[in-house]
């Protein structure tokens, strides 16, 4: 059986060298979707702390140092395990802006 189309075995990664549309010079621009870690809704103070922390690119440890609490405290707020106590509300308010 003879076929009219020849099939040659391709070397691995060879396809990357062939541009799809060499005559088309288009740059796609779009907003990146938010990280999965961002809260969907801002319902609690922990959600607001997490959003602000991610917006600033800070770690939980960094926020804990700013607020004068333990890193696990920030983790517990963000995971809705505990709520901040009253004496920390002014510092949290300053952090949130």
C-alpha atoms as a PDB file:
ATOM      1  CA  UNK A   1       0.000   0.000   0.000  1.00  0.00           C
ATOM      2  CA  UNK A   2       1.455   3.313  -1.101  1.00  0.00           C
ATOM      3  CA  UNK A   3       0.246   6.592   0.317  1.00  0.00           C
ATOM      4  CA  UNK A   4       0.611   9.895  -1.434  1.00  0.00           C
ATOM      5  CA  UNK A   5       1.462  11.813   1.733  1.00  0.00           C
ATOM      6  CA  UNK A   6       4.827  11.094   3.239  1.00  0.00           C
ATOM      7  CA  UNK A   7       5.074  10.792   6.971  1.00  0.00           C
ATOM      8  CA  UNK A   8       8.431  11.533   8.490  1.00  0.00           C
ATOM      9  CA  UNK A   9       9.221  10.896  12.124  1.00  0.00           C
ATOM     10  CA  UNK A  10       9.718  14.214  13.916  1.00  0.00           C
ATOM     11  CA  UNK A  11      12.427  14.831  16.413  1.00  0.00           C
ATOM     12  CA  UNK A  12      11.226  15.786  19.863  1.00  0.00           C
ATOM     13  CA  UNK A  13      10.867  19.565  20.282  1.00  0.00           C
ATOM     14  CA  UNK A  14      11.286  20.237  16.567  1.00  0.00           C
ATOM     15  CA  UNK A  15       7.804  21.708  16.307  1.00  0.00           C
ATOM     16  CA  UNK A  16       8.786  24.640  18.497  1.00  0.00           C
ATOM     17  CA  UNK A  17      11.016  26.006  15.759  1.00  0.00           C
ATOM     18  CA  UNK A  18       8.152  26.531  13.310  1.00  0.00           C
ATOM     19  CA  UNK A  19       6.301  29.808  13.861  1.00  0.00           C
ATOM     20  CA  UNK A  20       2.540  29.467  13.630  1.00  0.00           C
ATOM     21  CA  UNK A  21       1.900  32.720  11.805  1.00  0.00           C
ATOM     22  CA  UNK A  22       5.148  34.418  10.829  1.00  0.00           C
ATOM     23  CA  UNK A  23       3.319  37.277   9.126  1.00  0.00           C
ATOM     24  CA  UNK A  24       1.112  38.088  12.106  1.00  0.00           C
ATOM     25  CA  UNK A  25       2.626  40.364  14.774  1.00  0.00           C
ATOM     26  CA  UNK A  26      -0.090  40.582  17.402  1.00  0.00           C
ATOM     27  CA  UNK A  27       0.499  41.074  21.113  1.00  0.00           C
ATOM     28  CA  UNK A  28      -2.291  39.937  23.380  1.00  0.00           C
ATOM     29  CA  UNK A  29      -2.982  42.097  26.394  1.00  0.00           C
ATOM     30  CA  UNK A  30      -5.335  41.187  29.173  1.00  0.00           C
ATOM     31  CA  UNK A  31      -5.659  41.508  32.895  1.00  0.00           C
ATOM     32  CA  UNK A  32      -4.384  38.533  34.806  1.00  0.00           C
ATOM     33  CA  UNK A  33      -7.032  36.706  36.779  1.00  0.00           C
ATOM     34  CA  UNK A  34      -6.717  37.064  40.550  1.00  0.00           C
ATOM     35  CA  UNK A  35      -4.914  34.363  42.454  1.00  0.00           C
ATOM     36  CA  UNK A  36      -6.998  31.502  43.777  1.00  0.00           C
ATOM     37  CA  UNK A  37      -6.022  32.612  47.283  1.00  0.00           C
ATOM     38  CA  UNK A  38      -8.028  35.843  46.943  1.00  0.00           C
ATOM     39  CA  UNK A  39     -11.304  35.744  48.844  1.00  0.00           C
ATOM     40  CA  UNK A  40     -14.361  35.655  46.579  1.00  0.00           C
ATOM     41  CA  UNK A  41     -16.311  37.967  48.894  1.00  0.00           C
ATOM     42  CA  UNK A  42     -15.103  40.271  51.640  1.00  0.00           C
ATOM     43  CA  UNK A  43     -17.374  39.109  54.449  1.00  0.00           C
ATOM     44  CA  UNK A  44     -15.047  39.047  57.446  1.00  0.00           C
ATOM     45  CA  UNK A  45     -12.116  40.996  58.782  1.00  0.00           C
ATOM     46  CA  UNK A  46      -9.920  37.993  57.961  1.00  0.00           C
ATOM     47  CA  UNK A  47     -10.978  38.237  54.306  1.00  0.00           C
ATOM     48  CA  UNK A  48     -10.021  41.904  54.251  1.00  0.00           C
ATOM     49  CA  UNK A  49      -6.647  41.211  55.872  1.00  0.00           C
ATOM     50  CA  UNK A  50      -5.912  38.458  53.323  1.00  0.00           C
ATOM     51  CA  UNK A  51      -6.875  40.650  50.354  1.00  0.00           C
ATOM     52  CA  UNK A  52      -4.752  43.555  51.570  1.00  0.00           C
ATOM     53  CA  UNK A  53      -1.825  41.229  52.309  1.00  0.00           C
ATOM     54  CA  UNK A  54      -1.950  39.698  48.824  1.00  0.00           C
ATOM     55  CA  UNK A  55      -2.340  43.124  47.195  1.00  0.00           C
ATOM     56  CA  UNK A  56       0.833  44.277  48.953  1.00  0.00           C
ATOM     57  CA  UNK A  57       2.667  41.023  48.207  1.00  0.00           C
ATOM     58  CA  UNK A  58       3.334  40.326  51.874  1.00  0.00           C
ATOM     59  CA  UNK A  59       3.636  37.028  53.694  1.00  0.00           C
ATOM     60  CA  UNK A  60       1.574  36.205  56.767  1.00  0.00           C
ATOM     61  CA  UNK A  61       4.779  36.494  58.771  1.00  0.00           C
ATOM     62  CA  UNK A  62       5.299  40.086  57.561  1.00  0.00           C
ATOM     63  CA  UNK A  63       1.763  41.103  58.520  1.00  0.00           C
ATOM     64  CA  UNK A  64       2.124  39.415  61.904  1.00  0.00           C
ATOM     65  CA  UNK A  65       5.275  41.450  62.612  1.00  0.00           C
ATOM     66  CA  UNK A  66       3.511  44.682  61.643  1.00  0.00           C
ATOM     67  CA  UNK A  67       0.549  43.927  63.895  1.00  0.00           C
ATOM     68  CA  UNK A  68       2.583  42.487  66.764  1.00  0.00           C
ATOM     69  CA  UNK A  69       0.953  39.047  66.730  1.00  0.00           C
ATOM     70  CA  UNK A  70       2.019  35.496  65.927  1.00  0.00           C
ATOM     71  CA  UNK A  71       2.031  34.224  62.338  1.00  0.00           C
ATOM     72  CA  UNK A  72      -0.536  31.541  63.233  1.00  0.00           C
ATOM     73  CA  UNK A  73      -2.871  34.271  64.466  1.00  0.00           C
ATOM     74  CA  UNK A  74      -2.982  35.781  60.966  1.00  0.00           C
ATOM     75  CA  UNK A  75      -3.476  32.295  59.525  1.00  0.00           C
ATOM     76  CA  UNK A  76      -6.389  31.651  61.874  1.00  0.00           C
ATOM     77  CA  UNK A  77      -8.062  34.964  60.978  1.00  0.00           C
ATOM     78  CA  UNK A  78      -7.752  34.299  57.262  1.00  0.00           C
ATOM     79  CA  UNK A  79      -9.136  30.774  57.621  1.00  0.00           C
ATOM     80  CA  UNK A  80     -12.075  31.950  59.776  1.00  0.00           C
ATOM     81  CA  UNK A  81     -10.960  29.913  62.783  1.00  0.00           C
ATOM     82  CA  UNK A  82     -10.730  32.893  65.146  1.00  0.00           C
ATOM     83  CA  UNK A  83     -11.532  36.601  65.166  1.00  0.00           C
ATOM     84  CA  UNK A  84      -9.238  39.473  66.116  1.00  0.00           C
ATOM     85  CA  UNK A  85      -9.549  40.765  69.665  1.00  0.00           C
ATOM     86  CA  UNK A  86     -10.576  44.347  70.347  1.00  0.00           C
ATOM     87  CA  UNK A  87      -7.174  45.717  71.325  1.00  0.00           C
ATOM     88  CA  UNK A  88      -5.807  44.844  67.855  1.00  0.00           C
ATOM     89  CA  UNK A  89      -8.527  46.626  65.888  1.00  0.00           C
ATOM     90  CA  UNK A  90      -6.663  49.990  65.659  1.00  0.00           C
ATOM     91  CA  UNK A  91      -3.544  48.267  64.278  1.00  0.00           C
ATOM     92  CA  UNK A  92      -5.612  46.234  61.824  1.00  0.00           C
ATOM     93  CA  UNK A  93      -7.423  49.380  60.731  1.00  0.00           C
ATOM     94  CA  UNK A  94      -4.078  51.089  60.029  1.00  0.00           C
ATOM     95  CA  UNK A  95      -2.882  48.041  58.060  1.00  0.00           C
ATOM     96  CA  UNK A  96      -6.064  48.000  55.966  1.00  0.00           C
ATOM     97  CA  UNK A  97      -5.766  51.705  55.279  1.00  0.00           C
END
